């Protein structure tokens, strides 16, 4: 065999293959893996071979994020980024400094605040007015399901005491009924529609910023969970197409085309027109790295603002039921018609479901699709799966629906303690993030971060999945493990974040595992996480990231 272009040796190799085999060396030629084994691979090292000495550190497949928003995350980094702060005072200080540094901006834009920093999770326009003045301001929170706006933005949008809440959202109000400065879910659109449109050049810049950030965490492929006109950042799809055409798209991307919940089945022809089918994988050709073959349906909101769709009403925080059971954004009768139609057209459906009613409605819709179309290979998946009724756990395997985990959230932290547990009540509080039960039921597990909602660091999420406690540096208090019976082991979590997400993205024939013939999308860690205690998994860092054997990230100490 001719000498290889690139050889990794001298450390453990986690292959993520069917039997999770281990090796010590990997050889790469022309962007593909040509050998996996041990010392015998030394025969492939020649004078022109780049040799990467692992020095006991672990090589693994590149992480694949099955639910992420890199363009929006990159844009947040270019705007007033609040994600690095934790308190109301820090947010206001950062916004004030940004306002001073950008005197010509028509709107003050940014995001990334967390609900737990404010009483009831609802910041006020009055506080924002003090640092923004008369310029309108719009700041989505970290989960993207609410926005903090100032008085100028409320005035421009015509939001007043008598303004009626939209069907898919709520205007937070003070005791006298006046808008107080927080807009939930669909109510964000009342202001969002007024924002200036971001030009393609800016969105492409944001994509490249986000892409670099993902590569620094070892991520080589992802599913962008919304491509389409949603939120305050514009449609990411043109940026992906521009980057692919320019050869600057280094990640492999599936875009989930946004299902506009203000419309019905009449939007399916336009979704068909926006589909982008992946070209056959050819090493070195970046034009085929973007496809838009999934459709994103957001079936509910989030539990913290009572918009997650629940089978039973929320509690009032004192153990008593209210009359509010959340919002199902798509009526079941529409969902049960839309999903079979999309399935028949060959689309994968990427569901957002937080509440147990939303999860059940999504599973029911897939069941309708199977009844009408038979079982195909579209690989539908439900992201977030925060509250799942025990009766619905086995349905994931039965219906072939992948469980798309955002593992980082499965922990005690202030938002969970103050804004979630009191309003879910028993027994629902024990039905959260049931990864262990899903694994034992035989469900396919995939994983993602939902960045910019939370960090895109897969190792922080994997630490939480294994320990059900926050990773080092991500703790927000001294808490016990959260529902430890739902923990999954390290190998399962790593496989979900590689082979599992590759399966969801229809990339499993070419990526997701380290096997001969597959593309060399690889990550070098700074240690072997299997060799240390489980409570140190989250301290693991990425040293190098490769896509098709091309180094796209290297840490300073690599």
Protein backbone atom coordinates (compact mmCIF):
# COMPACT_ATOMS: atom_id res chain seq x y z
CA UNK A 1 0.00 0.00 0.00
CA UNK A 2 1.34 3.50 -0.82
CA UNK A 3 2.39 5.79 2.01
CA UNK A 4 -0.43 7.65 3.73
CA UNK A 5 -0.91 11.43 3.76
CA UNK A 6 -1.66 11.52 7.46
CA UNK A 7 -1.14 9.02 10.30
CA UNK A 8 -2.35 9.21 13.90
CA UNK A 9 -0.59 6.88 16.31
CA UNK A 10 0.47 6.46 19.91
CA UNK A 11 -2.89 6.72 21.65
CA UNK A 12 -6.30 5.09 22.04
CA UNK A 13 -8.77 5.37 19.15
CA UNK A 14 -12.48 5.32 19.95
CA UNK A 15 -14.04 4.16 16.70
CA UNK A 16 -17.77 4.44 17.65
CA UNK A 17 -18.38 1.46 15.36
CA UNK A 18 -20.99 -1.20 16.09
CA UNK A 19 -18.88 -2.98 18.71
CA UNK A 20 -17.10 0.23 19.82
CA UNK A 21 -13.77 -1.33 19.00
CA UNK A 22 -10.52 0.30 20.08
CA UNK A 23 -7.40 0.80 17.99
CA UNK A 24 -4.04 2.58 18.34
CA UNK A 25 -3.40 4.03 14.90
CA UNK A 26 -5.30 5.47 11.93
CA UNK A 27 -4.02 6.29 8.43
CA UNK A 28 -5.58 8.77 6.02
CA UNK A 29 -5.06 9.23 2.27
CA UNK A 30 -6.88 11.73 0.03
CA UNK A 31 -9.30 12.60 2.80
CA UNK A 32 -10.38 9.03 3.56
CA UNK A 33 -9.42 6.54 6.23
CA UNK A 34 -7.32 3.78 4.66
CA UNK A 35 -6.23 1.80 7.73
CA UNK A 36 -7.30 1.34 11.35
CA UNK A 37 -5.19 -0.80 13.65
CA UNK A 38 -1.99 -0.86 15.65
CA UNK A 39 1.75 -0.67 15.15
CA UNK A 40 1.54 -2.24 11.69
CA UNK A 41 0.24 1.07 10.35
CA UNK A 42 3.76 2.39 10.80
CA UNK A 43 4.51 0.80 7.44
CA UNK A 44 2.36 3.49 5.83
CA UNK A 45 4.53 6.34 7.12
CA UNK A 46 6.75 7.85 4.44
CA UNK A 47 8.83 10.97 4.01
CA UNK A 48 5.79 13.05 3.01
CA UNK A 49 3.44 11.64 5.65
CA UNK A 50 2.28 13.99 8.40
CA UNK A 51 2.59 12.05 11.64
CA UNK A 52 0.39 13.04 14.58
CA UNK A 53 1.75 11.54 17.80
CA UNK A 54 -1.25 11.19 20.11
CA UNK A 55 1.01 10.68 23.14
CA UNK A 56 -1.66 8.72 24.95
CA UNK A 57 -4.47 11.13 24.07
CA UNK A 58 -7.62 9.87 22.40
CA UNK A 59 -8.59 10.10 18.73
CA UNK A 60 -12.29 9.80 17.92
CA UNK A 61 -14.74 10.63 15.14
CA UNK A 62 -15.63 14.29 14.82
CA UNK A 63 -18.63 15.27 16.91
CA UNK A 64 -21.87 15.86 15.02
CA UNK A 65 -24.38 18.28 16.53
CA UNK A 66 -27.91 17.21 15.64
CA UNK A 67 -29.57 20.46 16.76
CA UNK A 68 -27.70 23.76 16.60
CA UNK A 69 -27.96 27.32 15.23
CA UNK A 70 -24.42 28.34 14.15
CA UNK A 71 -25.38 31.35 12.03
CA UNK A 72 -27.44 32.82 14.82
CA UNK A 73 -24.78 31.93 17.36
CA UNK A 74 -22.15 33.62 15.23
CA UNK A 75 -24.37 36.67 14.84
CA UNK A 76 -24.81 36.83 18.62
CA UNK A 77 -21.02 36.92 18.91
CA UNK A 78 -20.95 39.87 16.49
CA UNK A 79 -23.76 41.70 18.31
CA UNK A 80 -24.15 42.43 22.05
CA UNK A 81 -23.42 38.95 23.37
CA UNK A 82 -24.78 38.41 26.88
CA UNK A 83 -24.09 34.67 27.05
CA UNK A 84 -20.85 35.14 29.01
CA UNK A 85 -22.65 36.91 31.87
CA UNK A 86 -25.00 35.62 34.56
CA UNK A 87 -26.67 38.47 36.48
CA UNK A 88 -29.04 41.31 35.65
CA UNK A 89 -26.40 43.88 36.66
CA UNK A 90 -23.82 42.29 34.35
CA UNK A 91 -26.29 42.26 31.46
CA UNK A 92 -27.16 45.92 31.88
CA UNK A 93 -23.50 46.91 32.18
CA UNK A 94 -22.62 44.99 28.98
CA UNK A 95 -25.56 46.51 27.10
CA UNK A 96 -24.61 50.00 28.25
CA UNK A 97 -21.05 49.55 27.02
CA UNK A 98 -22.30 48.21 23.68
CA UNK A 99 -24.68 51.18 23.27
CA UNK A 100 -21.81 53.61 23.86
CA UNK A 101 -19.58 51.79 21.39
CA UNK A 102 -22.24 51.72 18.63
CA UNK A 103 -23.78 55.20 18.54
CA UNK A 104 -24.97 54.87 14.93
CA UNK A 105 -26.89 51.58 15.25
CA UNK A 106 -30.58 52.14 14.60
CA UNK A 107 -31.51 49.17 16.82
CA UNK A 108 -29.66 47.76 19.84
CA UNK A 109 -29.53 44.03 19.12
CA UNK A 110 -28.06 41.10 20.99
CA UNK A 111 -29.14 38.21 23.15
CA UNK A 112 -28.13 35.39 25.43
CA UNK A 113 -29.60 36.35 28.84
CA UNK A 114 -30.89 33.62 31.11
CA UNK A 115 -34.29 33.70 32.78
CA UNK A 116 -32.96 32.76 36.22
CA UNK A 117 -31.25 36.17 36.46
CA UNK A 118 -34.62 37.93 36.84
CA UNK A 119 -37.56 37.51 39.24
CA UNK A 120 -40.01 35.20 37.55
CA UNK A 121 -37.70 35.04 34.55
CA UNK A 122 -39.12 38.29 33.17
CA UNK A 123 -36.87 41.39 32.82
CA UNK A 124 -38.48 44.81 32.40
CA UNK A 125 -38.42 47.51 29.76
CA UNK A 126 -37.75 50.11 32.46
CA UNK A 127 -34.42 48.49 33.36
CA UNK A 128 -33.43 48.34 29.69
CA UNK A 129 -34.51 51.94 29.08
CA UNK A 130 -31.93 53.13 31.60
CA UNK A 131 -29.04 51.92 29.42
CA UNK A 132 -30.49 52.12 25.88
CA UNK A 133 -32.26 55.48 25.89
CA UNK A 134 -34.65 56.16 23.06
CA UNK A 135 -33.20 53.66 20.58
CA UNK A 136 -35.29 50.48 20.31
CA UNK A 137 -33.73 47.32 21.75
CA UNK A 138 -34.50 43.63 21.20
CA UNK A 139 -32.72 40.89 23.17
CA UNK A 140 -33.88 37.25 22.84
CA UNK A 141 -33.03 35.06 25.80
CA UNK A 142 -30.76 32.04 25.61
CA UNK A 143 -33.48 29.60 24.66
CA UNK A 144 -34.93 31.87 21.97
CA UNK A 145 -38.46 31.53 23.36
CA UNK A 146 -38.68 34.99 24.85
CA UNK A 147 -37.30 38.49 24.28
CA UNK A 148 -36.45 41.48 26.45
CA UNK A 149 -37.46 44.75 24.81
CA UNK A 150 -37.38 48.37 25.86
CA UNK A 151 -40.13 51.00 25.82
CA UNK A 152 -39.05 52.37 22.44
CA UNK A 153 -39.50 48.94 20.85
CA UNK A 154 -42.92 48.51 22.49
CA UNK A 155 -44.01 51.92 21.14
CA UNK A 156 -42.79 51.19 17.62
CA UNK A 157 -44.65 47.88 17.61
CA UNK A 158 -47.82 49.47 18.99
CA UNK A 159 -47.88 47.10 21.96
CA UNK A 160 -50.15 48.65 24.58
CA UNK A 161 -52.39 47.67 27.46
CA UNK A 162 -55.21 46.67 25.11
CA UNK A 163 -53.02 44.70 22.68
CA UNK A 164 -54.32 41.14 22.48
CA UNK A 165 -51.87 38.27 23.01
CA UNK A 166 -51.17 36.34 19.78
CA UNK A 167 -52.46 32.78 19.69
CA UNK A 168 -48.95 31.34 19.91
CA UNK A 169 -47.48 33.66 22.53
CA UNK A 170 -47.95 36.00 25.45
CA UNK A 171 -47.11 39.60 26.34
CA UNK A 172 -45.83 39.81 29.90
CA UNK A 173 -47.73 42.51 31.79
CA UNK A 174 -47.48 44.38 35.09
CA UNK A 175 -50.20 44.34 37.76
CA UNK A 176 -52.13 47.02 35.86
CA UNK A 177 -52.05 45.08 32.59
CA UNK A 178 -49.45 47.24 30.86
CA UNK A 179 -46.72 45.49 28.78
CA UNK A 180 -43.72 45.13 31.10
CA UNK A 181 -40.92 44.36 28.65
CA UNK A 182 -40.83 40.57 28.13
CA UNK A 183 -42.42 38.94 25.10
CA UNK A 184 -42.99 35.18 25.02
CA UNK A 185 -42.96 32.98 21.90
CA UNK A 186 -45.15 34.36 19.09
CA UNK A 187 -45.40 37.73 20.82
CA UNK A 188 -41.75 38.31 19.88
CA UNK A 189 -42.91 38.61 16.28
CA UNK A 190 -44.73 41.85 17.06
CA UNK A 191 -41.32 43.51 17.41
CA UNK A 192 -39.18 41.14 15.38
CA UNK A 193 -40.98 42.07 12.14
CA UNK A 194 -39.69 45.64 12.52
CA UNK A 195 -35.99 44.76 12.76
CA UNK A 196 -33.65 45.76 9.92
CA UNK A 197 -32.77 42.88 7.61
CA UNK A 198 -29.26 41.51 7.93
CA UNK A 199 -27.42 41.50 4.57
CA UNK A 200 -26.10 38.25 3.14
CA UNK A 201 -22.49 39.32 3.74
CA UNK A 202 -23.18 39.75 7.45
CA UNK A 203 -24.93 36.38 7.74
CA UNK A 204 -22.07 34.68 5.89
CA UNK A 205 -19.59 36.30 8.26
CA UNK A 206 -21.68 35.04 11.17
CA UNK A 207 -21.67 31.52 9.71
CA UNK A 208 -17.90 31.49 9.46
CA UNK A 209 -17.57 32.79 13.03
CA UNK A 210 -19.95 30.11 14.25
CA UNK A 211 -18.25 27.42 12.19
CA UNK A 212 -14.84 28.23 13.70
CA UNK A 213 -16.34 28.09 17.16
CA UNK A 214 -17.91 24.67 16.52
CA UNK A 215 -14.65 23.31 15.13
CA UNK A 216 -12.90 24.43 18.33
CA UNK A 217 -15.13 21.96 20.18
CA UNK A 218 -14.42 19.13 17.74
CA UNK A 219 -17.68 19.48 15.79
CA UNK A 220 -17.32 18.52 12.13
CA UNK A 221 -20.99 18.22 11.07
CA UNK A 222 -24.32 19.47 12.28
CA UNK A 223 -28.01 19.95 11.61
CA UNK A 224 -29.00 23.61 11.59
CA UNK A 225 -32.31 23.37 13.40
CA UNK A 226 -33.93 26.31 11.58
CA UNK A 227 -33.22 27.53 8.07
CA UNK A 228 -35.85 30.03 7.12
CA UNK A 229 -37.19 33.43 8.19
CA UNK A 230 -37.48 33.07 11.96
CA UNK A 231 -36.37 35.16 14.91
CA UNK A 232 -34.18 38.22 14.71
CA UNK A 233 -31.35 36.92 12.53
CA UNK A 234 -32.71 36.20 9.07
CA UNK A 235 -32.61 33.03 6.98
CA UNK A 236 -29.31 31.10 7.30
CA UNK A 237 -29.81 29.13 4.06
CA UNK A 238 -28.35 31.75 1.64
CA UNK A 239 -25.26 32.03 3.86
CA UNK A 240 -24.71 28.27 3.70
CA UNK A 241 -25.11 28.24 -0.07
CA UNK A 242 -22.73 31.19 -0.45
CA UNK A 243 -20.09 29.59 1.78
CA UNK A 244 -20.40 26.24 0.01
CA UNK A 245 -19.99 27.92 -3.38
CA UNK A 246 -16.97 29.89 -2.14
CA UNK A 247 -15.36 26.78 -0.67
CA UNK A 248 -15.36 28.18 2.87
CA UNK A 249 -17.92 25.75 4.29
CA UNK A 250 -15.74 23.25 6.14
CA UNK A 251 -18.50 21.53 8.14
CA UNK A 252 -21.10 19.12 6.77
CA UNK A 253 -24.55 20.58 7.25
CA UNK A 254 -28.16 19.51 7.00
CA UNK A 255 -30.61 22.40 7.16
CA UNK A 256 -34.04 21.94 8.69
CA UNK A 257 -36.44 24.13 6.70
CA UNK A 258 -38.69 26.13 9.01
CA UNK A 259 -42.39 25.20 9.08
CA UNK A 260 -44.22 28.51 9.44
CA UNK A 261 -46.88 27.85 12.06
CA UNK A 262 -48.87 30.88 10.91
CA UNK A 263 -49.54 28.99 7.68
CA UNK A 264 -50.94 25.56 6.93
CA UNK A 265 -50.48 22.82 4.34
CA UNK A 266 -50.37 25.39 1.55
CA UNK A 267 -46.69 26.06 2.36
CA UNK A 268 -45.55 22.58 1.31
CA UNK A 269 -44.91 23.56 -2.35
CA UNK A 270 -42.60 26.38 -1.21
CA UNK A 271 -40.79 23.96 1.12
CA UNK A 272 -40.26 21.65 -1.84
CA UNK A 273 -38.75 24.54 -3.79
CA UNK A 274 -36.30 25.26 -0.97
CA UNK A 275 -35.04 21.70 -0.69
CA UNK A 276 -31.32 21.30 -1.42
CA UNK A 277 -30.27 17.72 -2.10
CA UNK A 278 -26.76 16.73 -1.08
CA UNK A 279 -24.37 15.96 -3.89
CA UNK A 280 -22.46 12.69 -3.75
CA UNK A 281 -19.59 12.99 -1.30
CA UNK A 282 -16.40 13.68 -3.18
CA UNK A 283 -13.33 14.43 -1.06
CA UNK A 284 -12.27 18.03 -1.40
CA UNK A 285 -15.52 19.28 -2.97
CA UNK A 286 -17.16 21.60 -0.48
CA UNK A 287 -20.11 22.51 -2.69
CA UNK A 288 -21.93 19.38 -1.62
CA UNK A 289 -21.50 19.90 2.10
CA UNK A 290 -24.85 21.65 2.54
CA UNK A 291 -28.23 20.00 2.10
CA UNK A 292 -31.69 21.13 3.17
CA UNK A 293 -33.66 17.90 3.40
CA UNK A 294 -35.25 18.20 6.83
CA UNK A 295 -38.27 20.23 7.97
CA UNK A 296 -38.39 21.80 11.43
CA UNK A 297 -41.73 21.74 13.23
CA UNK A 298 -41.79 23.52 16.58
CA UNK A 299 -44.73 21.92 18.35
CA UNK A 300 -44.52 23.84 21.63
CA UNK A 301 -42.51 26.33 23.64
CA UNK A 302 -40.69 25.87 26.95
CA UNK A 303 -41.82 24.96 30.44
CA UNK A 304 -40.37 28.03 32.14
CA UNK A 305 -42.88 30.40 30.51
CA UNK A 306 -45.74 27.85 30.53
CA UNK A 307 -45.78 27.43 26.73
CA UNK A 308 -44.52 23.82 26.69
CA UNK A 309 -47.51 21.65 25.80
CA UNK A 310 -48.49 19.40 28.73
CA UNK A 311 -50.99 16.58 29.07
CA UNK A 312 -52.08 18.01 32.43
CA UNK A 313 -52.16 21.67 33.52
CA UNK A 314 -49.21 23.37 35.15
CA UNK A 315 -49.02 23.74 38.90
CA UNK A 316 -49.01 27.16 40.55
CA UNK A 317 -45.78 26.53 42.46
CA UNK A 318 -47.68 25.50 45.60
CA UNK A 319 -48.85 22.08 44.45
CA UNK A 320 -52.19 23.18 42.96
CA UNK A 321 -53.16 22.82 39.32
CA UNK A 322 -53.84 25.89 37.19
CA UNK A 323 -56.03 26.11 34.09
CA UNK A 324 -52.97 26.41 31.80
CA UNK A 325 -51.56 23.35 30.05
CA UNK A 326 -49.37 25.21 27.56
CA UNK A 327 -49.60 25.67 23.81
CA UNK A 328 -49.53 23.16 20.97
CA UNK A 329 -48.46 25.40 18.13
CA UNK A 330 -49.89 23.09 15.47
CA UNK A 331 -53.34 21.62 16.07
CA UNK A 332 -53.03 17.81 16.06
CA UNK A 333 -55.35 17.49 13.08
CA UNK A 334 -53.02 19.73 11.03
CA UNK A 335 -49.87 18.03 12.32
CA UNK A 336 -51.31 14.61 11.50
CA UNK A 337 -51.82 15.73 7.91
CA UNK A 338 -48.60 17.71 7.44
CA UNK A 339 -46.20 15.02 8.62
CA UNK A 340 -47.50 12.27 6.29
CA UNK A 341 -47.35 14.73 3.35
CA UNK A 342 -43.76 15.73 4.17
CA UNK A 343 -42.80 12.10 4.75
CA UNK A 344 -44.25 11.13 1.36
CA UNK A 345 -42.05 13.78 -0.28
CA UNK A 346 -38.94 12.25 1.33
CA UNK A 347 -38.42 14.93 3.97
CA UNK A 348 -37.14 14.16 7.42
CA UNK A 349 -39.16 15.92 10.12
CA UNK A 350 -37.17 17.51 12.93
CA UNK A 351 -39.58 18.14 15.80
CA UNK A 352 -39.15 20.47 18.76
CA UNK A 353 -41.07 19.02 21.69
CA UNK A 354 -40.53 19.95 25.34
CA UNK A 355 -43.79 18.96 27.04
CA UNK A 356 -45.27 15.47 27.30
CA UNK A 357 -48.32 16.41 25.21
CA UNK A 358 -46.11 17.83 22.45
CA UNK A 359 -43.95 14.68 22.46
CA UNK A 360 -47.05 12.51 22.18
CA UNK A 361 -48.50 14.63 19.38
CA UNK A 362 -45.25 14.34 17.39
CA UNK A 363 -45.14 10.57 17.86
CA UNK A 364 -48.79 10.33 16.84
CA UNK A 365 -48.05 12.29 13.66
CA UNK A 366 -45.23 9.89 12.71
CA UNK A 367 -47.58 6.98 13.39
CA UNK A 368 -50.06 8.56 10.94
CA UNK A 369 -47.25 8.88 8.37
CA UNK A 370 -46.36 5.19 8.71
CA UNK A 371 -50.01 4.18 8.41
CA UNK A 372 -50.36 6.18 5.20
CA UNK A 373 -46.93 5.79 3.56
CA UNK A 374 -45.41 2.70 5.11
CA UNK A 375 -42.03 2.69 6.84
CA UNK A 376 -39.39 4.67 4.98
CA UNK A 377 -35.88 5.86 5.79
CA UNK A 378 -36.49 9.53 6.50
CA UNK A 379 -35.24 9.23 10.09
CA UNK A 380 -37.58 11.60 11.87
CA UNK A 381 -36.35 12.83 15.25
CA UNK A 382 -37.67 14.71 18.27
CA UNK A 383 -35.34 17.23 19.88
CA UNK A 384 -35.31 18.30 23.54
CA UNK A 385 -37.65 15.58 24.91
CA UNK A 386 -37.70 17.26 28.31
CA UNK A 387 -40.88 15.71 29.71
CA UNK A 388 -41.87 12.34 28.25
CA UNK A 389 -44.81 10.34 29.59
CA UNK A 390 -43.61 6.81 30.49
CA UNK A 391 -46.17 5.29 28.14
CA UNK A 392 -44.50 7.05 25.21
CA UNK A 393 -40.93 5.86 25.91
CA UNK A 394 -41.22 2.58 23.89
CA UNK A 395 -42.91 4.37 20.99
CA UNK A 396 -39.60 5.94 19.88
CA UNK A 397 -38.23 2.50 19.01
CA UNK A 398 -41.54 1.19 17.70
CA UNK A 399 -41.94 4.14 15.31
CA UNK A 400 -38.24 4.50 14.41
CA UNK A 401 -38.08 8.04 15.82
CA UNK A 402 -34.66 9.12 17.08
CA UNK A 403 -34.39 10.80 20.48
CA UNK A 404 -32.35 13.97 19.92
CA UNK A 405 -30.86 14.75 23.35
CA UNK A 406 -29.69 18.12 24.61
CA UNK A 407 -27.91 16.43 27.50
CA UNK A 408 -26.45 19.58 29.04
CA UNK A 409 -29.89 20.54 30.36
CA UNK A 410 -30.41 17.34 32.40
CA UNK A 411 -29.14 18.79 35.65
CA UNK A 412 -30.12 20.84 38.66
CA UNK A 413 -29.45 24.56 38.14
CA UNK A 414 -31.32 27.72 39.17
CA UNK A 415 -33.74 27.72 36.24
CA UNK A 416 -34.66 24.08 36.85
CA UNK A 417 -35.03 24.62 40.59
CA UNK A 418 -36.87 27.96 40.53
CA UNK A 419 -38.80 28.00 37.25
CA UNK A 420 -39.38 24.39 36.21
CA UNK A 421 -39.78 21.95 39.09
CA UNK A 422 -42.37 23.98 41.06
CA UNK A 423 -44.63 24.31 38.03
CA UNK A 424 -44.34 20.74 36.74
CA UNK A 425 -45.10 19.07 40.05
CA UNK A 426 -45.12 15.34 40.76
CA UNK A 427 -44.92 12.92 38.98
CA UNK A 428 -43.90 14.96 35.91
CA UNK A 429 -40.80 16.33 37.60
CA UNK A 430 -39.39 12.78 37.49
CA UNK A 431 -40.17 12.28 33.79
CA UNK A 432 -37.54 14.76 32.60
CA UNK A 433 -34.78 13.93 30.13
CA UNK A 434 -35.32 10.14 30.38
CA UNK A 435 -32.20 9.19 28.42
CA UNK A 436 -31.62 5.98 30.39
CA UNK A 437 -35.16 4.74 29.80
CA UNK A 438 -34.94 5.60 26.10
CA UNK A 439 -31.65 3.70 25.82
CA UNK A 440 -33.07 0.66 27.60
CA UNK A 441 -36.13 0.75 25.33
CA UNK A 442 -33.94 0.45 22.23
CA UNK A 443 -34.40 3.96 20.85
CA UNK A 444 -31.82 5.54 18.56
CA UNK A 445 -30.01 8.28 20.49
CA UNK A 446 -28.60 11.36 18.79
CA UNK A 447 -27.24 14.47 20.49
CA UNK A 448 -26.94 18.20 20.02
CA UNK A 449 -26.36 21.42 21.90
CA UNK A 450 -28.98 23.93 20.67
CA UNK A 451 -26.20 26.54 20.69
CA UNK A 452 -26.59 29.51 21.04
CA UNK A 453 -29.10 28.50 23.71
CA UNK A 454 -26.27 26.77 25.58
CA UNK A 455 -22.61 25.98 25.03
CA UNK A 456 -21.82 23.90 21.92
CA UNK A 457 -19.19 21.93 23.90
CA UNK A 458 -20.13 18.24 23.40
CA UNK A 459 -17.90 17.15 26.27
CA UNK A 460 -19.77 19.36 28.74
CA UNK A 461 -23.03 17.78 27.55
CA UNK A 462 -21.57 14.26 27.66
CA UNK A 463 -20.35 14.88 31.21
CA UNK A 464 -23.92 15.77 32.21
CA UNK A 465 -25.40 12.76 30.42
CA UNK A 466 -23.07 10.43 32.34
CA UNK A 467 -23.12 12.16 35.74
CA UNK A 468 -26.47 14.01 35.62
CA UNK A 469 -24.51 16.90 37.12
CA UNK A 470 -23.01 19.95 35.44
CA UNK A 471 -19.50 19.77 34.05
CA UNK A 472 -16.61 21.63 35.70
CA UNK A 473 -16.95 25.32 34.95
CA UNK A 474 -20.68 25.04 34.19
CA UNK A 475 -21.96 24.59 37.75
CA UNK A 476 -24.47 27.14 39.03
CA UNK A 477 -24.67 25.91 42.62
CA UNK A 478 -23.92 22.81 44.67
CA UNK A 479 -26.58 20.29 43.70
CA UNK A 480 -27.04 16.55 43.85
CA UNK A 481 -27.29 14.45 40.70
CA UNK A 482 -30.54 15.03 38.79
CA UNK A 483 -32.56 11.82 38.34
CA UNK A 484 -29.37 9.68 38.32
CA UNK A 485 -31.32 6.60 37.21
CA UNK A 486 -31.55 8.28 33.79
CA UNK A 487 -27.76 8.50 33.35
CA UNK A 488 -26.15 6.82 30.33
CA UNK A 489 -22.59 5.54 30.07
CA UNK A 490 -19.70 7.38 28.41
CA UNK A 491 -19.46 5.14 25.34
CA UNK A 492 -23.19 5.48 24.66
CA UNK A 493 -23.06 9.25 24.99
CA UNK A 494 -20.00 9.57 22.73
CA UNK A 495 -21.67 7.31 20.17
CA UNK A 496 -24.87 9.37 20.26
CA UNK A 497 -22.81 12.52 19.54
CA UNK A 498 -21.01 10.85 16.61
CA UNK A 499 -22.59 7.82 14.95
CA UNK A 500 -26.08 8.61 16.27
CA UNK A 501 -26.16 12.14 14.92
CA UNK A 502 -24.54 10.96 11.67
CA UNK A 503 -27.40 8.49 11.29
CA UNK A 504 -29.96 11.25 11.82
CA UNK A 505 -28.17 13.40 9.23
CA UNK A 506 -27.98 10.56 6.68
CA UNK A 507 -24.19 10.86 6.89
CA UNK A 508 -23.62 7.47 8.48
CA UNK A 509 -22.33 5.78 5.32
CA UNK A 510 -19.43 8.23 5.07
CA UNK A 511 -18.86 9.66 8.57
CA UNK A 512 -19.63 9.18 12.26
CA UNK A 513 -17.28 6.26 12.91
CA UNK A 514 -13.61 5.51 12.33
CA UNK A 515 -13.64 2.76 9.71
CA UNK A 516 -11.72 2.09 6.53
CA UNK A 517 -13.30 3.90 3.58
CA UNK A 518 -14.98 6.63 5.60
CA UNK A 519 -14.10 10.30 5.38
CA UNK A 520 -11.44 11.43 7.85
CA UNK A 521 -13.59 13.72 9.99
CA UNK A 522 -11.70 13.34 13.26
CA UNK A 523 -11.09 14.93 16.65
CA UNK A 524 -8.08 14.67 18.97
CA UNK A 525 -8.85 15.06 22.69
CA UNK A 526 -6.33 16.10 25.34
CA UNK A 527 -6.82 12.83 27.25
CA UNK A 528 -8.58 9.49 27.22
CA UNK A 529 -11.81 10.22 29.12
CA UNK A 530 -12.32 6.48 29.71
CA UNK A 531 -9.10 6.36 31.72
CA UNK A 532 -10.17 8.89 34.36
CA UNK A 533 -13.06 9.22 36.81
CA UNK A 534 -16.49 10.05 35.41
CA UNK A 535 -16.63 13.35 37.28
CA UNK A 536 -13.68 14.62 35.22
CA UNK A 537 -15.13 13.94 31.75
CA UNK A 538 -16.16 17.57 31.35
CA UNK A 539 -12.59 18.76 31.91
CA UNK A 540 -11.59 17.11 28.62
CA UNK A 541 -10.65 19.55 25.85
CA UNK A 542 -10.32 19.31 22.08
CA UNK A 543 -6.80 19.75 20.73
CA UNK A 544 -7.30 19.28 16.98
CA UNK A 545 -10.18 18.91 14.55
CA UNK A 546 -9.93 17.49 11.02
CA UNK A 547 -12.42 17.42 8.15
CA UNK A 548 -11.45 15.02 5.36
CA UNK A 549 -7.95 14.98 6.79
CA UNK A 550 -7.68 18.78 6.65
CA UNK A 551 -6.90 20.43 9.97
CA UNK A 552 -9.64 23.00 10.65
CA UNK A 553 -8.74 23.68 14.29
CA UNK A 554 -5.65 23.35 16.46
CA UNK A 555 -5.34 24.48 20.07
CA UNK A 556 -2.23 26.35 21.13
CA UNK A 557 -0.98 23.29 23.04
CA UNK A 558 -1.84 20.77 20.32
